[in-house]
């Protein structure tokens, strides 16, 4: 049940980000759910590895490199999933930021 709640929150936040941020387009509701699932999977598996590998750069930039890393992972999911299109790095960064804020707020409301 917790997995489904997180998936729905992710899909909802991604859908809102796609409607707010210019340059992010999602073709179908199924693509929206798949993109939310894939983003969760990438954030759970690939992101921790990349954070460890880029730790020196992250320390030098006082953590700001993590913004770039998150936007690049957002672009990676868009590149892997047909039907989920992100126009460029700026759209990915803004989309990731909107999605994170909405997911954080929704998770705080629906916490266990």
N, C-alpha and C. Protein backbone atom coordinates (compact mmCIF):
# COMPACT_ATOMS: atom_id res chain seq x y z
N UNK A 1 0.82 -1.19 0.00
CA UNK A 1 0.00 0.00 0.00
C UNK A 1 0.87 1.26 0.00
N UNK A 2 1.97 1.20 0.76
CA UNK A 2 2.87 2.34 0.83
C UNK A 2 3.50 2.61 -0.55
N UNK A 3 3.81 1.54 -1.27
CA UNK A 3 4.39 1.67 -2.61
C UNK A 3 3.41 2.37 -3.55
N UNK A 4 2.15 1.95 -3.51
CA UNK A 4 1.14 2.56 -4.38
C UNK A 4 0.92 4.02 -4.04
N UNK A 5 0.94 4.34 -2.75
CA UNK A 5 0.77 5.74 -2.33
C UNK A 5 1.91 6.59 -2.86
N UNK A 6 3.14 6.10 -2.72
CA UNK A 6 4.30 6.84 -3.21
C UNK A 6 4.27 6.98 -4.73
N UNK A 7 3.84 5.92 -5.41
CA UNK A 7 3.75 5.97 -6.87
C UNK A 7 2.71 6.99 -7.32
N UNK A 8 1.57 7.01 -6.66
CA UNK A 8 0.53 7.97 -7.01
C UNK A 8 0.95 9.41 -6.71
N UNK A 9 1.64 9.61 -5.59
CA UNK A 9 2.15 10.94 -5.27
C UNK A 9 3.18 11.37 -6.32
N UNK A 10 4.05 10.47 -6.71
CA UNK A 10 5.04 10.78 -7.75
C UNK A 10 4.38 11.10 -9.08
N UNK A 11 3.36 10.32 -9.45
CA UNK A 11 2.66 10.56 -10.71
C UNK A 11 1.91 11.89 -10.66
N UNK A 12 1.28 12.17 -9.54
CA UNK A 12 0.55 13.43 -9.39
C UNK A 12 1.50 14.62 -9.48
N UNK A 13 2.63 14.53 -8.78
CA UNK A 13 3.58 15.64 -8.79
C UNK A 13 4.21 15.81 -10.18
N UNK A 14 4.48 14.72 -10.86
CA UNK A 14 5.03 14.81 -12.21
C UNK A 14 4.01 15.39 -13.18
N UNK A 15 2.75 15.01 -13.02
CA UNK A 15 1.70 15.57 -13.87
C UNK A 15 1.53 17.06 -13.66
N UNK A 16 1.60 17.51 -12.41
CA UNK A 16 1.50 18.94 -12.13
C UNK A 16 2.72 19.66 -12.69
N UNK A 17 3.90 19.07 -12.52
CA UNK A 17 5.12 19.68 -13.07
C UNK A 17 5.03 19.79 -14.59
N UNK A 18 4.47 18.77 -15.23
CA UNK A 18 4.33 18.80 -16.70
C UNK A 18 3.34 19.87 -17.14
N UNK A 19 2.34 20.15 -16.32
CA UNK A 19 1.37 21.18 -16.70
C UNK A 19 1.87 22.59 -16.40
N UNK A 20 2.79 22.72 -15.45
CA UNK A 20 3.29 24.04 -15.07
C UNK A 20 4.52 24.43 -15.88
N UNK A 21 5.46 23.51 -16.02
CA UNK A 21 6.76 23.83 -16.62
C UNK A 21 6.69 23.69 -18.14
N UNK A 22 7.03 24.76 -18.85
CA UNK A 22 7.07 24.62 -20.31
C UNK A 22 8.25 23.76 -20.73
N UNK A 23 8.02 22.91 -21.70
CA UNK A 23 9.09 22.05 -22.19
C UNK A 23 9.00 20.63 -21.68
N UNK A 24 8.04 20.33 -20.81
CA UNK A 24 7.83 18.96 -20.33
C UNK A 24 6.48 18.50 -20.86
N UNK A 25 6.50 17.38 -21.60
CA UNK A 25 5.27 16.86 -22.19
C UNK A 25 5.17 15.37 -21.92
N UNK A 26 3.98 14.95 -21.50
CA UNK A 26 3.70 13.53 -21.26
C UNK A 26 2.49 13.17 -22.10
N UNK A 27 2.65 12.14 -22.92
CA UNK A 27 1.61 11.80 -23.89
C UNK A 27 0.37 11.15 -23.29
N UNK A 28 0.53 10.13 -22.45
CA UNK A 28 -0.62 9.39 -21.94
C UNK A 28 -0.53 9.24 -20.42
N UNK A 29 -1.66 8.95 -19.77
CA UNK A 29 -1.62 8.70 -18.33
C UNK A 29 -0.74 7.48 -17.96
N UNK A 30 -0.70 6.48 -18.82
CA UNK A 30 0.17 5.33 -18.57
C UNK A 30 1.64 5.75 -18.60
N UNK A 31 1.98 6.62 -19.52
CA UNK A 31 3.35 7.14 -19.57
C UNK A 31 3.67 7.92 -18.31
N UNK A 32 2.69 8.65 -17.79
CA UNK A 32 2.88 9.40 -16.55
C UNK A 32 3.21 8.47 -15.39
N UNK A 33 2.47 7.39 -15.25
CA UNK A 33 2.72 6.44 -14.18
C UNK A 33 4.06 5.73 -14.37
N UNK A 34 4.36 5.35 -15.61
CA UNK A 34 5.65 4.70 -15.89
C UNK A 34 6.82 5.65 -15.63
N UNK A 35 6.66 6.92 -15.97
CA UNK A 35 7.71 7.89 -15.72
C UNK A 35 7.92 8.08 -14.22
N UNK A 36 6.84 8.13 -13.45
CA UNK A 36 6.96 8.26 -11.99
C UNK A 36 7.65 7.03 -11.40
N UNK A 37 7.29 5.85 -11.91
CA UNK A 37 7.93 4.62 -11.44
C UNK A 37 9.42 4.61 -11.78
N UNK A 38 9.73 4.97 -13.02
CA UNK A 38 11.13 4.98 -13.46
C UNK A 38 11.95 6.03 -12.72
N UNK A 39 11.36 7.19 -12.44
CA UNK A 39 12.06 8.21 -11.65
C UNK A 39 12.35 7.69 -10.24
N UNK A 40 11.38 7.00 -9.65
CA UNK A 40 11.61 6.41 -8.33
C UNK A 40 12.70 5.37 -8.36
N UNK A 41 12.71 4.56 -9.38
CA UNK A 41 13.73 3.52 -9.52
C UNK A 41 15.12 4.12 -9.72
N UNK A 42 15.21 5.13 -10.57
CA UNK A 42 16.49 5.80 -10.81
C UNK A 42 16.98 6.49 -9.54
N UNK A 43 16.06 7.13 -8.81
CA UNK A 43 16.45 7.81 -7.58
C UNK A 43 16.86 6.82 -6.49
N UNK A 44 16.33 5.62 -6.53
CA UNK A 44 16.67 4.63 -5.50
C UNK A 44 17.95 3.87 -5.81
N UNK A 45 18.26 3.67 -7.08
CA UNK A 45 19.40 2.82 -7.44
C UNK A 45 20.58 3.63 -7.99
N UNK A 46 20.35 4.44 -9.00
CA UNK A 46 21.45 5.12 -9.68
C UNK A 46 21.92 6.36 -8.92
N UNK A 47 20.98 7.13 -8.37
CA UNK A 47 21.34 8.39 -7.70
C UNK A 47 22.33 8.21 -6.55
N UNK A 48 22.15 7.24 -5.65
CA UNK A 48 23.14 7.09 -4.56
C UNK A 48 24.55 6.77 -5.07
N UNK A 49 24.63 5.98 -6.11
CA UNK A 49 25.94 5.66 -6.69
C UNK A 49 26.59 6.91 -7.27
N UNK A 50 25.80 7.71 -7.99
CA UNK A 50 26.35 8.93 -8.57
C UNK A 50 26.71 9.96 -7.51
N UNK A 51 25.97 10.00 -6.43
CA UNK A 51 26.30 10.93 -5.34
C UNK A 51 27.66 10.58 -4.74
N UNK A 52 27.91 9.31 -4.54
CA UNK A 52 29.20 8.90 -4.00
C UNK A 52 30.33 9.19 -4.99
N UNK A 53 30.10 8.91 -6.28
CA UNK A 53 31.13 9.15 -7.28
C UNK A 53 31.45 10.63 -7.49
N UNK A 54 30.46 11.49 -7.30
CA UNK A 54 30.67 12.92 -7.52
C UNK A 54 30.83 13.69 -6.22
N UNK A 55 31.14 13.01 -5.14
CA UNK A 55 31.27 13.66 -3.84
C UNK A 55 32.29 14.80 -3.83
N UNK A 56 33.47 14.64 -4.45
CA UNK A 56 34.42 15.77 -4.44
C UNK A 56 33.86 17.03 -5.12
N UNK A 57 33.17 16.86 -6.24
CA UNK A 57 32.58 18.01 -6.93
C UNK A 57 31.47 18.62 -6.08
N UNK A 58 30.69 17.77 -5.43
CA UNK A 58 29.61 18.25 -4.59
C UNK A 58 30.14 19.06 -3.41
N UNK A 59 31.23 18.60 -2.82
CA UNK A 59 31.83 19.34 -1.71
C UNK A 59 32.39 20.68 -2.19
N UNK A 60 33.06 20.67 -3.34
CA UNK A 60 33.62 21.92 -3.87
C UNK A 60 32.55 22.95 -4.21
N UNK A 61 31.40 22.50 -4.66
CA UNK A 61 30.33 23.43 -5.03
C UNK A 61 29.35 23.65 -3.88
N UNK A 62 29.69 23.17 -2.70
CA UNK A 62 28.84 23.31 -1.51
C UNK A 62 27.45 22.71 -1.71
N UNK A 63 27.38 21.61 -2.43
CA UNK A 63 26.14 20.88 -2.63
C UNK A 63 25.34 21.29 -3.84
N UNK A 64 25.72 22.34 -4.52
CA UNK A 64 24.95 22.80 -5.67
C UNK A 64 25.03 21.83 -6.85
N UNK A 65 26.06 21.02 -6.90
CA UNK A 65 26.17 20.05 -7.99
C UNK A 65 25.04 19.02 -7.93
N UNK A 66 24.46 18.81 -6.76
CA UNK A 66 23.34 17.87 -6.65
C UNK A 66 22.14 18.33 -7.47
N UNK A 67 21.97 19.64 -7.63
CA UNK A 67 20.90 20.15 -8.49
C UNK A 67 21.12 19.71 -9.93
N UNK A 68 22.35 19.82 -10.37
CA UNK A 68 22.69 19.40 -11.74
C UNK A 68 22.50 17.89 -11.89
N UNK A 69 22.93 17.14 -10.90
CA UNK A 69 22.80 15.69 -10.94
C UNK A 69 21.33 15.27 -11.02
N UNK A 70 20.48 15.89 -10.22
CA UNK A 70 19.06 15.55 -10.24
C UNK A 70 18.42 15.90 -11.57
N UNK A 71 18.78 17.04 -12.14
CA UNK A 71 18.24 17.42 -13.45
C UNK A 71 18.70 16.45 -14.54
N UNK A 72 19.96 16.01 -14.45
CA UNK A 72 20.47 15.04 -15.43
C UNK A 72 19.75 13.69 -15.32
N UNK A 73 19.41 13.29 -14.11
CA UNK A 73 18.66 12.04 -13.93
C UNK A 73 17.23 12.19 -14.47
N UNK A 74 16.65 13.37 -14.33
CA UNK A 74 15.33 13.65 -14.90
C UNK A 74 15.40 13.54 -16.42
N UNK A 75 16.46 14.09 -17.00
CA UNK A 75 16.67 13.98 -18.45
C UNK A 75 16.91 12.54 -18.88
N UNK A 76 17.60 11.76 -18.05
CA UNK A 76 17.84 10.36 -18.35
C UNK A 76 16.54 9.58 -18.46
N UNK A 77 15.64 9.82 -17.53
CA UNK A 77 14.34 9.13 -17.57
C UNK A 77 13.57 9.55 -18.82
N UNK A 78 13.63 10.83 -19.17
CA UNK A 78 12.95 11.29 -20.39
C UNK A 78 13.56 10.66 -21.64
N UNK A 79 14.86 10.41 -21.62
CA UNK A 79 15.51 9.79 -22.77
C UNK A 79 15.17 8.30 -22.87
N UNK A 80 14.94 7.66 -21.75
CA UNK A 80 14.66 6.22 -21.74
C UNK A 80 13.21 5.88 -22.04
N UNK A 81 12.30 6.80 -21.73
CA UNK A 81 10.88 6.49 -21.82
C UNK A 81 10.23 7.23 -22.99
N UNK A 82 9.78 6.51 -24.00
CA UNK A 82 9.09 7.18 -25.10
C UNK A 82 7.74 7.73 -24.61
N UNK A 83 7.41 8.92 -25.04
CA UNK A 83 6.18 9.56 -24.61
C UNK A 83 6.38 10.55 -23.49
N UNK A 84 7.58 10.60 -22.93
CA UNK A 84 7.93 11.57 -21.89
C UNK A 84 9.05 12.42 -22.46
N UNK A 85 8.75 13.69 -22.74
CA UNK A 85 9.69 14.56 -23.43
C UNK A 85 10.04 15.77 -22.55
N UNK A 86 11.33 16.04 -22.45
CA UNK A 86 11.83 17.22 -21.75
C UNK A 86 12.67 17.99 -22.75
N UNK A 87 12.37 19.29 -22.89
CA UNK A 87 12.99 20.10 -23.93
C UNK A 87 14.48 20.34 -23.70
N UNK A 88 14.89 20.50 -22.47
CA UNK A 88 16.30 20.78 -22.23
C UNK A 88 16.62 20.77 -20.74
N UNK A 89 17.84 21.20 -20.44
CA UNK A 89 18.32 21.15 -19.06
C UNK A 89 17.52 22.06 -18.14
N UNK A 90 17.19 23.26 -18.63
CA UNK A 90 16.42 24.20 -17.80
C UNK A 90 15.05 23.65 -17.45
N UNK A 91 14.39 23.05 -18.41
CA UNK A 91 13.08 22.43 -18.15
C UNK A 91 13.21 21.26 -17.19
N UNK A 92 14.28 20.50 -17.32
CA UNK A 92 14.51 19.36 -16.42
C UNK A 92 14.75 19.84 -15.00
N UNK A 93 15.55 20.88 -14.84
CA UNK A 93 15.84 21.40 -13.51
C UNK A 93 14.59 21.96 -12.85
N UNK A 94 13.83 22.75 -13.59
CA UNK A 94 12.61 23.32 -13.04
C UNK A 94 11.56 22.24 -12.79
N UNK A 95 11.45 21.28 -13.69
CA UNK A 95 10.51 20.18 -13.49
C UNK A 95 10.85 19.34 -12.28
N UNK A 96 12.13 19.05 -12.11
CA UNK A 96 12.56 18.29 -10.94
C UNK A 96 12.25 19.07 -9.66
N UNK A 97 12.49 20.38 -9.67
CA UNK A 97 12.26 21.20 -8.49
C UNK A 97 10.77 21.25 -8.13
N UNK A 98 9.92 21.46 -9.12
CA UNK A 98 8.48 21.49 -8.88
C UNK A 98 8.00 20.13 -8.38
N UNK A 99 8.48 19.07 -9.01
CA UNK A 99 8.08 17.72 -8.61
C UNK A 99 8.52 17.42 -7.18
N UNK A 100 9.71 17.83 -6.81
CA UNK A 100 10.21 17.58 -5.47
C UNK A 100 9.39 18.31 -4.42
N UNK A 101 9.07 19.57 -4.68
CA UNK A 101 8.30 20.35 -3.71
C UNK A 101 6.90 19.78 -3.53
N UNK A 102 6.24 19.43 -4.63
CA UNK A 102 4.90 18.86 -4.55
C UNK A 102 4.92 17.50 -3.88
N UNK A 103 5.90 16.66 -4.20
CA UNK A 103 6.02 15.34 -3.57
C UNK A 103 6.27 15.46 -2.08
N UNK A 104 7.12 16.41 -1.70
CA UNK A 104 7.41 16.62 -0.29
C UNK A 104 6.16 17.04 0.47
N UNK A 105 5.38 17.98 -0.10
CA UNK A 105 4.17 18.45 0.56
C UNK A 105 3.12 17.34 0.63
N UNK A 106 2.95 16.59 -0.44
CA UNK A 106 1.96 15.52 -0.44
C UNK A 106 2.36 14.39 0.50
N UNK A 107 3.64 14.09 0.58
CA UNK A 107 4.12 13.05 1.50
C UNK A 107 3.92 13.47 2.94
N UNK A 108 4.05 14.77 3.21
CA UNK A 108 3.83 15.26 4.56
C UNK A 108 2.35 15.16 4.94
N UNK A 109 1.48 15.36 3.98
CA UNK A 109 0.05 15.27 4.25
C UNK A 109 -0.39 13.82 4.43
N UNK A 110 0.11 12.92 3.58
CA UNK A 110 -0.33 11.53 3.59
C UNK A 110 0.65 10.59 4.27
N UNK A 111 1.43 11.09 5.22
CA UNK A 111 2.41 10.20 5.86
C UNK A 111 1.70 9.14 6.70
N UNK A 112 2.42 8.04 6.93
CA UNK A 112 1.82 6.89 7.64
C UNK A 112 1.60 7.22 9.10
